[in-house]
């Protein structure tokens, strides 16, 4: 759980798994530990943004059938997206996934 802004960011298990898999892929498969470190730092920056402005992005109705009706997305890096929902002052990160996996 991350706090510090108006919203508290909490990771669902699927998001925690996504982060671990992303780091593993970059370090082990791509043999790029420094890149993994930079990518995780970029992720921290995006999560800081969610802490402050969680309700700013529009609701993504294309993902509603998969993740619920109040799902929002923000880009992360060049080809990734953070999928999350806001309930009160909580922002729940549901997935961190490649944009190419989003089905419309």
C-alpha atoms as a PDB file:
ATOM      1  CA  UNK A   1       0.000   0.000   0.000  1.00  0.00           C
ATOM      2  CA  UNK A   2       1.281   3.447  -0.904  1.00  0.00           C
ATOM      3  CA  UNK A   3       0.026   6.675   0.661  1.00  0.00           C
ATOM      4  CA  UNK A   4       1.038  10.308   0.672  1.00  0.00           C
ATOM      5  CA  UNK A   5      -1.436  11.940  -1.665  1.00  0.00           C
ATOM      6  CA  UNK A   6      -5.192  12.301  -1.495  1.00  0.00           C
ATOM      7  CA  UNK A   7      -5.521   8.643  -2.563  1.00  0.00           C
ATOM      8  CA  UNK A   8      -4.064   5.481  -1.076  1.00  0.00           C
ATOM      9  CA  UNK A   9      -2.790   3.049  -3.706  1.00  0.00           C
ATOM     10  CA  UNK A  10      -3.221  -0.651  -2.983  1.00  0.00           C
ATOM     11  CA  UNK A  11      -2.116  -3.535  -5.194  1.00  0.00           C
ATOM     12  CA  UNK A  12      -4.316  -6.526  -5.884  1.00  0.00           C
ATOM     13  CA  UNK A  13      -2.510  -9.878  -6.050  1.00  0.00           C
ATOM     14  CA  UNK A  14      -2.688  -9.895  -9.859  1.00  0.00           C
ATOM     15  CA  UNK A  15      -0.851  -6.536  -9.987  1.00  0.00           C
ATOM     16  CA  UNK A  16       1.828  -7.754  -7.574  1.00  0.00           C
ATOM     17  CA  UNK A  17       2.303 -10.799  -9.777  1.00  0.00           C
ATOM     18  CA  UNK A  18       2.497  -8.591 -12.892  1.00  0.00           C
ATOM     19  CA  UNK A  19       5.272  -6.488 -11.327  1.00  0.00           C
ATOM     20  CA  UNK A  20       7.260  -9.559 -10.297  1.00  0.00           C
ATOM     21  CA  UNK A  21       6.876 -11.101 -13.764  1.00  0.00           C
ATOM     22  CA  UNK A  22       7.888  -7.862 -15.504  1.00  0.00           C
ATOM     23  CA  UNK A  23      11.020  -7.588 -13.374  1.00  0.00           C
ATOM     24  CA  UNK A  24      11.870 -11.276 -13.866  1.00  0.00           C
ATOM     25  CA  UNK A  25      11.413 -11.010 -17.639  1.00  0.00           C
ATOM     26  CA  UNK A  26      13.652  -7.954 -17.986  1.00  0.00           C
ATOM     27  CA  UNK A  27      16.376  -9.285 -15.671  1.00  0.00           C
ATOM     28  CA  UNK A  28      16.452 -12.958 -16.680  1.00  0.00           C
ATOM     29  CA  UNK A  29      15.162 -13.139 -20.243  1.00  0.00           C
ATOM     30  CA  UNK A  30      16.494  -9.827 -21.518  1.00  0.00           C
ATOM     31  CA  UNK A  31      19.614  -9.849 -19.293  1.00  0.00           C
ATOM     32  CA  UNK A  32      19.092  -6.172 -18.479  1.00  0.00           C
ATOM     33  CA  UNK A  33      19.036  -5.583 -14.706  1.00  0.00           C
ATOM     34  CA  UNK A  34      19.670  -1.840 -15.066  1.00  0.00           C
ATOM     35  CA  UNK A  35      16.708  -1.546 -17.416  1.00  0.00           C
ATOM     36  CA  UNK A  36      14.559  -3.392 -14.864  1.00  0.00           C
ATOM     37  CA  UNK A  37      15.628  -0.922 -12.198  1.00  0.00           C
ATOM     38  CA  UNK A  38      14.709   2.028 -14.461  1.00  0.00           C
ATOM     39  CA  UNK A  39      11.355   0.475 -15.397  1.00  0.00           C
ATOM     40  CA  UNK A  40      10.457  -0.029 -11.732  1.00  0.00           C
ATOM     41  CA  UNK A  41      11.457   3.579 -10.986  1.00  0.00           C
ATOM     42  CA  UNK A  42       9.186   4.711 -13.844  1.00  0.00           C
ATOM     43  CA  UNK A  43       6.409   2.598 -12.341  1.00  0.00           C
ATOM     44  CA  UNK A  44       6.902   4.320  -8.976  1.00  0.00           C
ATOM     45  CA  UNK A  45       6.518   7.687 -10.723  1.00  0.00           C
ATOM     46  CA  UNK A  46       3.243   6.604 -12.330  1.00  0.00           C
ATOM     47  CA  UNK A  47       1.971   5.305  -8.983  1.00  0.00           C
ATOM     48  CA  UNK A  48       2.841   8.658  -7.372  1.00  0.00           C
ATOM     49  CA  UNK A  49       0.724  10.277 -10.087  1.00  0.00           C
ATOM     50  CA  UNK A  50      -2.187   7.923  -9.285  1.00  0.00           C
ATOM     51  CA  UNK A  51      -1.857   8.898  -5.592  1.00  0.00           C
ATOM     52  CA  UNK A  52      -2.490  12.506  -6.531  1.00  0.00           C
ATOM     53  CA  UNK A  53      -4.828  12.336  -9.530  1.00  0.00           C
ATOM     54  CA  UNK A  54      -6.511   8.914  -9.467  1.00  0.00           C
ATOM     55  CA  UNK A  55      -9.899  10.118 -10.710  1.00  0.00           C
ATOM     56  CA  UNK A  56      -8.539  12.318 -13.490  1.00  0.00           C
ATOM     57  CA  UNK A  57      -8.400   9.712 -16.306  1.00  0.00           C
ATOM     58  CA  UNK A  58     -11.758   8.863 -17.823  1.00  0.00           C
ATOM     59  CA  UNK A  59     -13.398   5.552 -17.044  1.00  0.00           C
ATOM     60  CA  UNK A  60     -12.438   2.967 -19.667  1.00  0.00           C
ATOM     61  CA  UNK A  61     -15.712   1.326 -20.661  1.00  0.00           C
ATOM     62  CA  UNK A  62     -13.901  -1.075 -23.010  1.00  0.00           C
ATOM     63  CA  UNK A  63     -12.422  -2.869 -20.004  1.00  0.00           C
ATOM     64  CA  UNK A  64     -15.568  -2.784 -17.888  1.00  0.00           C
ATOM     65  CA  UNK A  65     -16.638  -6.324 -18.733  1.00  0.00           C
ATOM     66  CA  UNK A  66     -13.239  -7.665 -17.567  1.00  0.00           C
ATOM     67  CA  UNK A  67     -12.462  -5.597 -14.494  1.00  0.00           C
ATOM     68  CA  UNK A  68     -15.633  -3.767 -13.400  1.00  0.00           C
ATOM     69  CA  UNK A  69     -17.506  -0.672 -14.430  1.00  0.00           C
ATOM     70  CA  UNK A  70     -15.249   1.974 -12.883  1.00  0.00           C
ATOM     71  CA  UNK A  71     -11.936   0.901 -14.408  1.00  0.00           C
ATOM     72  CA  UNK A  72      -9.367   3.480 -15.454  1.00  0.00           C
ATOM     73  CA  UNK A  73      -6.100   3.111 -17.322  1.00  0.00           C
ATOM     74  CA  UNK A  74      -2.939   5.145 -17.642  1.00  0.00           C
ATOM     75  CA  UNK A  75       0.037   4.410 -19.878  1.00  0.00           C
ATOM     76  CA  UNK A  76       3.266   3.226 -18.322  1.00  0.00           C
ATOM     77  CA  UNK A  77       6.410   3.214 -20.408  1.00  0.00           C
ATOM     78  CA  UNK A  78       6.025   2.882 -24.154  1.00  0.00           C
ATOM     79  CA  UNK A  79       3.902  -0.254 -24.366  1.00  0.00           C
ATOM     80  CA  UNK A  80       2.425  -0.917 -20.918  1.00  0.00           C
ATOM     81  CA  UNK A  81      -0.724   0.189 -19.137  1.00  0.00           C
ATOM     82  CA  UNK A  82      -1.773   0.337 -15.492  1.00  0.00           C
ATOM     83  CA  UNK A  83      -5.359  -0.804 -14.928  1.00  0.00           C
ATOM     84  CA  UNK A  84      -6.939   0.444 -11.701  1.00  0.00           C
ATOM     85  CA  UNK A  85     -10.182   1.422 -10.054  1.00  0.00           C
ATOM     86  CA  UNK A  86     -11.057   4.082  -7.487  1.00  0.00           C
ATOM     87  CA  UNK A  87     -13.366   3.552  -4.535  1.00  0.00           C
ATOM     88  CA  UNK A  88     -13.570   6.509  -2.175  1.00  0.00           C
ATOM     89  CA  UNK A  89     -10.001   7.485  -1.332  1.00  0.00           C
ATOM     90  CA  UNK A  90      -8.579   4.081  -2.350  1.00  0.00           C
ATOM     91  CA  UNK A  91      -7.022   3.400  -5.750  1.00  0.00           C
ATOM     92  CA  UNK A  92      -6.763  -0.347  -6.377  1.00  0.00           C
ATOM     93  CA  UNK A  93      -4.198  -1.371  -8.997  1.00  0.00           C
ATOM     94  CA  UNK A  94      -5.681  -4.414 -10.733  1.00  0.00           C
ATOM     95  CA  UNK A  95      -3.145  -5.162 -13.481  1.00  0.00           C
ATOM     96  CA  UNK A  96       0.051  -3.871 -15.034  1.00  0.00           C
ATOM     97  CA  UNK A  97       0.082  -5.270 -18.532  1.00  0.00           C
ATOM     98  CA  UNK A  98       1.089  -4.726 -22.147  1.00  0.00           C
ATOM     99  CA  UNK A  99      -1.299  -2.481 -24.047  1.00  0.00           C
ATOM    100  CA  UNK A 100      -1.493  -5.136 -26.726  1.00  0.00           C
ATOM    101  CA  UNK A 101      -3.419  -7.409 -24.325  1.00  0.00           C
ATOM    102  CA  UNK A 102      -6.291  -4.965 -24.020  1.00  0.00           C
ATOM    103  CA  UNK A 103      -9.162  -6.327 -26.075  1.00  0.00           C
ATOM    104  CA  UNK A 104     -11.764  -3.872 -27.357  1.00  0.00           C
END
